[in-house]
N, C-alpha and C. Protein backbone atom coordinates (compact mmCIF):
# COMPACT_ATOMS: atom_id res chain seq x y z
N MET A 1 10.24 5.19 37.14
CA MET A 1 9.36 5.82 35.67
C MET A 1 10.26 6.34 34.95
N LYS A 2 11.41 6.87 35.28
CA LYS A 2 12.16 7.58 34.34
C LYS A 2 12.97 6.73 33.55
N LYS A 3 13.28 5.45 34.18
CA LYS A 3 13.93 4.33 33.55
C LYS A 3 13.24 3.70 32.73
N ILE A 4 11.88 3.74 33.06
CA ILE A 4 10.75 3.00 31.70
C ILE A 4 10.96 3.88 30.78
N LYS A 5 10.69 5.07 30.96
CA LYS A 5 10.97 6.34 29.69
C LYS A 5 12.04 6.02 29.09
N SER A 6 13.25 6.07 29.58
CA SER A 6 14.39 5.76 29.13
C SER A 6 14.43 4.37 28.24
N ILE A 7 13.87 3.63 28.64
CA ILE A 7 14.16 2.15 27.86
C ILE A 7 12.91 1.90 26.85
N CYS A 8 11.73 2.73 26.93
CA CYS A 8 10.85 2.82 25.93
C CYS A 8 10.99 3.46 24.62
N LEU A 9 11.66 4.52 24.52
CA LEU A 9 12.02 5.72 23.48
C LEU A 9 13.02 4.96 22.67
N PRO A 10 13.97 4.11 22.56
CA PRO A 10 14.69 3.35 21.83
C PRO A 10 14.02 2.07 21.56
N VAL A 11 13.51 1.57 22.46
CA VAL A 11 12.73 0.11 21.59
C VAL A 11 11.31 0.86 20.70
N VAL A 12 11.00 1.94 21.27
CA VAL A 12 9.98 2.29 19.62
C VAL A 12 10.71 2.65 18.45
N MET A 13 12.12 3.33 18.88
CA MET A 13 12.62 3.65 17.53
C MET A 13 13.00 2.80 16.67
N LEU A 14 13.47 1.55 17.44
CA LEU A 14 13.85 0.21 17.04
C LEU A 14 12.74 -0.27 16.12
N MET A 15 11.86 -0.21 16.51
CA MET A 15 10.63 -1.06 16.07
C MET A 15 10.42 -0.43 14.64
N ILE A 16 10.13 0.92 14.71
CA ILE A 16 10.05 1.87 13.47
C ILE A 16 11.05 1.59 12.51
N VAL A 17 12.35 1.46 13.01
CA VAL A 17 13.21 0.96 11.94
C VAL A 17 12.88 -0.28 11.11
N ILE A 18 12.61 -1.19 12.17
CA ILE A 18 12.37 -2.55 11.62
C ILE A 18 11.16 -2.62 11.01
N LEU A 19 10.15 -2.21 11.14
CA LEU A 19 8.77 -1.98 10.26
C LEU A 19 9.31 -1.65 9.03
N GLN A 20 9.98 -0.07 8.80
CA GLN A 20 10.32 0.55 7.97
C GLN A 20 11.01 -0.63 6.82
N GLY A 21 11.57 -1.82 7.29
CA GLY A 21 12.03 -2.52 6.19
C GLY A 21 11.43 -3.45 5.64
N CYS A 22 10.29 -3.78 6.02
CA CYS A 22 9.20 -4.32 5.34
C CYS A 22 8.39 -3.82 4.35
N TYR A 23 8.73 -2.63 4.15
CA TYR A 23 8.27 -1.68 2.93
C TYR A 23 8.45 -2.15 1.53
N TYR A 24 7.55 -2.74 0.71
CA TYR A 24 7.98 -3.27 -0.55
C TYR A 24 7.13 -2.00 -1.69
N ASP A 25 7.88 -2.24 -2.65
CA ASP A 25 7.13 -1.31 -3.94
C ASP A 25 6.95 -1.93 -5.23
N VAL A 26 7.29 -3.38 -5.34
CA VAL A 26 7.25 -3.80 -6.50
C VAL A 26 6.08 -4.57 -6.49
N GLY A 27 5.06 -4.33 -7.40
CA GLY A 27 3.59 -4.77 -7.66
C GLY A 27 3.63 -6.01 -7.77
N GLU A 28 4.18 -6.76 -8.58
CA GLU A 28 4.24 -8.09 -8.47
C GLU A 28 4.57 -8.75 -6.95
N GLU A 29 5.15 -8.25 -6.49
CA GLU A 29 5.21 -9.01 -5.11
C GLU A 29 4.21 -8.46 -4.00
N LEU A 30 3.88 -7.19 -4.34
CA LEU A 30 2.44 -7.07 -3.45
C LEU A 30 1.13 -7.73 -4.18
N TYR A 31 1.17 -7.66 -5.44
CA TYR A 31 -0.05 -8.29 -5.85
C TYR A 31 0.37 -9.26 -6.90
N PRO A 32 0.55 -10.55 -6.26
CA PRO A 32 1.00 -11.75 -7.21
C PRO A 32 -0.13 -11.99 -7.88
N GLN A 33 -0.20 -12.09 -9.10
CA GLN A 33 -1.26 -12.45 -10.26
C GLN A 33 -1.70 -14.03 -10.09
N THR A 34 -2.92 -13.93 -9.95
CA THR A 34 -3.71 -15.39 -9.88
C THR A 34 -3.92 -15.89 -11.16
N GLY A 35 -3.82 -17.02 -11.23
CA GLY A 35 -4.11 -17.96 -12.68
C GLY A 35 -3.07 -17.93 -13.11
N ASN A 36 -3.19 -18.23 -14.51
CA ASN A 36 -2.26 -17.99 -15.56
C ASN A 36 -2.37 -16.45 -16.40
N CYS A 37 -1.16 -16.51 -17.22
CA CYS A 37 -1.01 -15.50 -18.19
C CYS A 37 -1.22 -15.96 -19.44
N ASP A 38 -2.48 -15.43 -20.11
CA ASP A 38 -2.69 -15.76 -21.01
C ASP A 38 -2.29 -15.15 -22.52
N THR A 39 -1.36 -15.97 -23.18
CA THR A 39 -0.51 -15.39 -24.28
C THR A 39 -0.76 -15.95 -25.28
N VAL A 40 -2.08 -16.95 -25.42
CA VAL A 40 -2.55 -17.39 -26.63
C VAL A 40 -3.51 -16.58 -27.36
N ASN A 41 -4.37 -15.72 -26.41
CA ASN A 41 -5.17 -14.88 -27.03
C ASN A 41 -5.32 -13.33 -27.34
N VAL A 42 -3.85 -12.92 -27.21
CA VAL A 42 -3.82 -11.80 -27.29
C VAL A 42 -3.97 -10.89 -28.54
N THR A 43 -4.38 -9.47 -28.45
CA THR A 43 -4.51 -8.94 -29.71
C THR A 43 -4.07 -7.39 -29.20
N TYR A 44 -4.53 -6.96 -30.37
CA TYR A 44 -3.43 -5.42 -30.49
C TYR A 44 -4.77 -4.74 -29.89
N SER A 45 -6.05 -4.68 -30.23
CA SER A 45 -6.95 -3.96 -29.76
C SER A 45 -7.08 -4.24 -28.36
N GLY A 46 -7.41 -5.52 -27.76
CA GLY A 46 -7.68 -5.82 -26.56
C GLY A 46 -6.67 -5.98 -25.35
N HIS A 47 -5.29 -5.80 -25.89
CA HIS A 47 -3.91 -6.06 -24.97
C HIS A 47 -3.29 -4.78 -25.25
N VAL A 48 -2.43 -4.89 -26.26
CA VAL A 48 -1.33 -4.18 -26.37
C VAL A 48 -1.89 -2.79 -26.61
N LYS A 49 -2.62 -2.08 -27.18
CA LYS A 49 -2.98 -0.80 -27.31
C LYS A 49 -3.49 -0.11 -25.69
N ASN A 50 -4.26 -0.89 -24.94
CA ASN A 50 -4.43 -0.55 -23.61
C ASN A 50 -2.80 -0.57 -22.70
N VAL A 51 -2.18 -1.21 -22.87
CA VAL A 51 -0.61 -0.99 -22.30
C VAL A 51 0.40 -0.06 -22.64
N ILE A 52 0.02 0.34 -24.34
CA ILE A 52 0.45 1.65 -24.70
C ILE A 52 -0.19 2.89 -24.25
N GLN A 53 -1.40 2.94 -24.31
CA GLN A 53 -2.01 3.99 -23.90
C GLN A 53 -1.72 4.31 -22.16
N ASN A 54 -1.53 3.33 -21.29
CA ASN A 54 -1.76 3.73 -19.91
C ASN A 54 -0.23 3.66 -19.64
N ASN A 55 0.62 3.27 -20.28
CA ASN A 55 2.07 3.29 -19.94
C ASN A 55 3.40 4.12 -20.83
N CYS A 56 3.04 4.28 -22.15
CA CYS A 56 3.80 4.89 -23.10
C CYS A 56 3.64 6.13 -23.73
N LEU A 57 2.35 6.51 -23.46
CA LEU A 57 1.80 7.58 -24.54
C LEU A 57 1.94 9.28 -23.95
N VAL A 58 2.32 8.95 -22.62
CA VAL A 58 2.88 10.25 -21.84
C VAL A 58 4.18 10.94 -22.42
N CYS A 59 4.66 9.88 -22.66
CA CYS A 59 6.24 10.37 -23.10
C CYS A 59 6.34 10.20 -24.82
N HIS A 60 5.54 9.30 -25.34
CA HIS A 60 5.59 8.77 -26.74
C HIS A 60 4.48 8.95 -27.66
N SER A 61 3.82 10.28 -27.40
CA SER A 61 2.55 10.56 -28.17
C SER A 61 3.05 11.40 -29.43
N ALA A 62 2.55 11.67 -30.34
CA ALA A 62 2.82 12.57 -31.59
C ALA A 62 3.02 14.12 -31.19
N ALA A 63 2.15 14.26 -29.99
CA ALA A 63 2.48 15.66 -29.23
C ALA A 63 3.76 15.53 -28.56
N ALA A 64 4.11 14.54 -27.60
CA ALA A 64 5.48 14.43 -27.10
C ALA A 64 6.52 14.37 -27.42
N ASN A 65 6.68 13.35 -28.36
CA ASN A 65 7.20 12.54 -29.35
C ASN A 65 9.04 12.65 -28.72
N LEU A 66 8.75 12.12 -27.24
CA LEU A 66 10.05 12.13 -26.93
C LEU A 66 11.32 10.78 -27.56
N GLY A 67 12.43 11.13 -27.62
CA GLY A 67 13.20 10.54 -28.29
C GLY A 67 12.94 10.28 -29.57
N ASN A 68 12.18 10.49 -30.48
CA ASN A 68 11.75 10.66 -31.84
C ASN A 68 10.79 9.57 -31.99
N ILE A 69 10.34 8.87 -30.59
CA ILE A 69 9.27 7.61 -30.67
C ILE A 69 7.87 8.21 -30.68
N ASN A 70 6.99 7.89 -31.51
CA ASN A 70 5.76 8.01 -31.41
C ASN A 70 5.18 6.67 -31.58
N LEU A 71 4.40 6.40 -30.56
CA LEU A 71 3.56 5.05 -30.36
C LEU A 71 1.97 5.32 -30.54
N GLU A 72 1.35 6.32 -31.14
CA GLU A 72 0.55 6.70 -31.07
C GLU A 72 -0.30 6.06 -32.44
N GLY A 73 -0.96 5.09 -32.29
CA GLY A 73 -1.68 4.00 -33.22
C GLY A 73 -1.01 3.08 -33.66
N TYR A 74 -1.40 2.18 -34.26
CA TYR A 74 -1.25 0.95 -34.73
C TYR A 74 -0.16 1.13 -35.68
N THR A 75 -0.02 1.72 -36.79
CA THR A 75 1.25 1.76 -37.71
C THR A 75 2.14 1.81 -37.08
N GLN A 76 2.22 3.05 -35.80
CA GLN A 76 3.91 3.28 -35.34
C GLN A 76 4.22 2.69 -34.42
N VAL A 77 3.01 1.31 -33.60
CA VAL A 77 3.38 0.70 -32.72
C VAL A 77 4.02 -0.64 -33.50
N LYS A 78 3.44 -0.93 -34.13
CA LYS A 78 3.88 -1.92 -35.79
C LYS A 78 5.35 -1.89 -35.84
N GLN A 79 5.83 -0.36 -36.22
CA GLN A 79 7.10 -0.19 -36.61
C GLN A 79 7.99 -0.44 -35.59
N PHE A 80 7.73 -0.19 -34.43
CA PHE A 80 8.65 -0.51 -33.25
C PHE A 80 8.76 -1.79 -32.84
N ALA A 81 7.46 -2.67 -32.90
CA ALA A 81 7.58 -3.97 -32.89
C ALA A 81 8.09 -4.86 -33.49
N ASP A 82 7.98 -4.38 -34.80
CA ASP A 82 8.91 -5.05 -36.03
C ASP A 82 10.32 -5.30 -35.89
N ASN A 83 10.69 -3.94 -35.39
CA ASN A 83 12.42 -3.63 -35.34
C ASN A 83 12.80 -4.30 -34.06
N GLY A 84 11.89 -4.79 -33.20
CA GLY A 84 12.50 -5.19 -32.16
C GLY A 84 12.72 -4.36 -30.77
N LYS A 85 12.72 -2.81 -31.32
CA LYS A 85 12.63 -1.95 -30.10
C LYS A 85 11.68 -2.03 -28.83
N LEU A 86 10.56 -2.13 -29.43
CA LEU A 86 9.38 -2.25 -28.54
C LEU A 86 9.53 -3.15 -27.49
N LEU A 87 10.07 -4.47 -27.85
CA LEU A 87 10.12 -5.70 -26.53
C LEU A 87 11.48 -5.30 -26.24
N GLY A 88 12.36 -4.98 -26.78
CA GLY A 88 13.61 -4.37 -25.91
C GLY A 88 13.53 -3.77 -24.84
N ALA A 89 12.60 -2.72 -25.22
CA ALA A 89 12.92 -1.74 -23.98
C ALA A 89 11.88 -1.95 -23.08
N ILE A 90 10.70 -2.73 -23.32
CA ILE A 90 9.92 -2.96 -22.00
C ILE A 90 10.37 -4.12 -21.43
N SER A 91 11.29 -5.15 -21.78
CA SER A 91 11.80 -6.20 -21.13
C SER A 91 13.25 -5.76 -20.30
N HIS A 92 13.45 -4.72 -20.67
CA HIS A 92 14.73 -4.11 -20.16
C HIS A 92 15.83 -4.87 -20.69
N ALA A 93 15.97 -4.91 -21.89
CA ALA A 93 17.18 -5.97 -22.55
C ALA A 93 18.65 -5.46 -22.43
N GLN A 94 19.61 -5.76 -22.62
CA GLN A 94 20.85 -5.26 -22.83
C GLN A 94 20.96 -4.59 -24.15
N GLY A 95 21.23 -3.26 -24.06
CA GLY A 95 21.08 -2.19 -25.41
C GLY A 95 20.30 -1.84 -25.61
N PHE A 96 19.15 -1.51 -24.76
CA PHE A 96 17.79 -0.59 -24.91
C PHE A 96 17.63 -0.06 -23.86
N SER A 97 17.26 1.34 -24.43
CA SER A 97 16.43 1.92 -22.86
C SER A 97 15.46 1.51 -22.32
N PRO A 98 15.59 0.98 -20.95
CA PRO A 98 14.29 0.68 -20.15
C PRO A 98 13.25 1.19 -20.24
N MET A 99 11.83 0.83 -20.45
CA MET A 99 11.04 1.49 -20.53
C MET A 99 10.00 1.12 -19.52
N PRO A 100 9.07 1.52 -19.21
CA PRO A 100 8.90 3.04 -18.84
C PRO A 100 10.08 3.61 -18.13
N GLN A 101 10.68 4.76 -18.75
CA GLN A 101 11.88 5.46 -18.12
C GLN A 101 11.56 5.77 -16.55
N ASN A 102 12.49 5.66 -15.73
CA ASN A 102 12.64 5.93 -14.61
C ASN A 102 11.34 5.30 -13.83
N GLY A 103 10.59 4.07 -14.46
CA GLY A 103 9.04 3.25 -13.89
C GLY A 103 9.70 1.78 -13.30
N ASN A 104 8.85 1.23 -12.59
CA ASN A 104 9.00 -0.28 -12.75
C ASN A 104 8.65 -0.51 -13.85
N LYS A 105 9.43 -1.90 -14.27
CA LYS A 105 9.19 -2.77 -15.13
C LYS A 105 7.75 -3.01 -15.31
N LEU A 106 7.02 -3.57 -16.58
CA LEU A 106 5.76 -3.72 -17.06
C LEU A 106 6.13 -5.31 -15.99
N PRO A 107 4.62 -5.83 -15.80
CA PRO A 107 4.82 -7.09 -15.15
C PRO A 107 5.34 -7.94 -16.26
N ASP A 108 5.54 -9.23 -15.56
CA ASP A 108 5.97 -10.29 -16.55
C ASP A 108 4.89 -11.04 -17.54
N CYS A 109 3.81 -10.84 -17.14
CA CYS A 109 2.66 -11.22 -18.19
C CYS A 109 2.53 -10.43 -19.07
N THR A 110 2.32 -8.95 -19.07
CA THR A 110 2.25 -8.16 -19.79
C THR A 110 3.45 -8.13 -20.85
N ILE A 111 4.60 -8.11 -20.69
CA ILE A 111 5.63 -8.54 -21.22
C ILE A 111 5.29 -9.64 -22.56
N ASN A 112 5.23 -10.59 -21.62
CA ASN A 112 4.91 -11.94 -22.04
C ASN A 112 3.99 -11.63 -23.51
N GLN A 113 2.58 -11.12 -22.87
CA GLN A 113 1.44 -10.91 -23.89
C GLN A 113 2.10 -10.35 -25.25
N ILE A 114 2.85 -9.05 -24.67
CA ILE A 114 3.41 -8.54 -25.99
C ILE A 114 4.05 -8.80 -27.12
N SER A 115 5.27 -9.88 -26.37
CA SER A 115 6.14 -10.49 -27.00
C SER A 115 5.19 -11.65 -27.76
N ALA A 116 4.33 -12.45 -27.10
CA ALA A 116 3.48 -13.12 -28.00
C ALA A 116 2.61 -12.20 -29.32
N TRP A 117 2.19 -11.51 -29.22
CA TRP A 117 1.45 -10.72 -30.25
C TRP A 117 2.49 -10.60 -31.24
N ILE A 118 3.71 -10.03 -31.00
CA ILE A 118 4.61 -9.56 -31.76
C ILE A 118 5.17 -10.99 -32.53
N ASN A 119 5.29 -12.15 -31.85
CA ASN A 119 5.93 -13.22 -32.52
C ASN A 119 4.48 -13.96 -33.48
N LYS A 120 3.39 -13.41 -33.35
CA LYS A 120 2.46 -13.77 -34.40
C LYS A 120 1.94 -12.82 -35.14
N GLY A 121 3.21 -11.93 -35.26
CA GLY A 121 3.17 -11.06 -36.67
C GLY A 121 2.77 -9.62 -36.24
N SER A 122 2.68 -9.39 -34.95
CA SER A 122 2.16 -7.81 -34.55
C SER A 122 0.59 -7.38 -35.40
N ILE A 123 -0.08 -8.28 -35.78
CA ILE A 123 -1.22 -7.97 -36.44
C ILE A 123 -2.33 -7.17 -35.92
N ASN A 124 -2.90 -6.34 -36.39
CA ASN A 124 -4.11 -5.50 -35.91
C ASN A 124 -5.22 -5.98 -35.80
N ASN A 125 -5.31 -6.61 -34.79
CA ASN A 125 -6.46 -7.29 -34.40
C ASN A 125 -7.01 -6.77 -33.25
């Protein structure tokens, strides 16, 4: 009986270590997007505004204004979209501070949608 206990404990511990190696924290790997990413019908009010509100305004609102970057409202977002800083930051491009800071990169579809909106002139639609 003692021999079985002495064998079981290392086996259980080994299983725990192996199972911890199966943990993922990358959303795109856990929840792959089904279907295509629509980059044709992207609008500020329907897409970009929601992304900014949900991911950026905690640090980049008029009140917080971290890094002297205010993304509260279309006019401010357009300024950073037009000068390339918005796309550079969210796509983690070299030379830009990756955003969200200390967070996971936004999903590729979201970045592609914002890029499409910028390429169409960053219009307030």
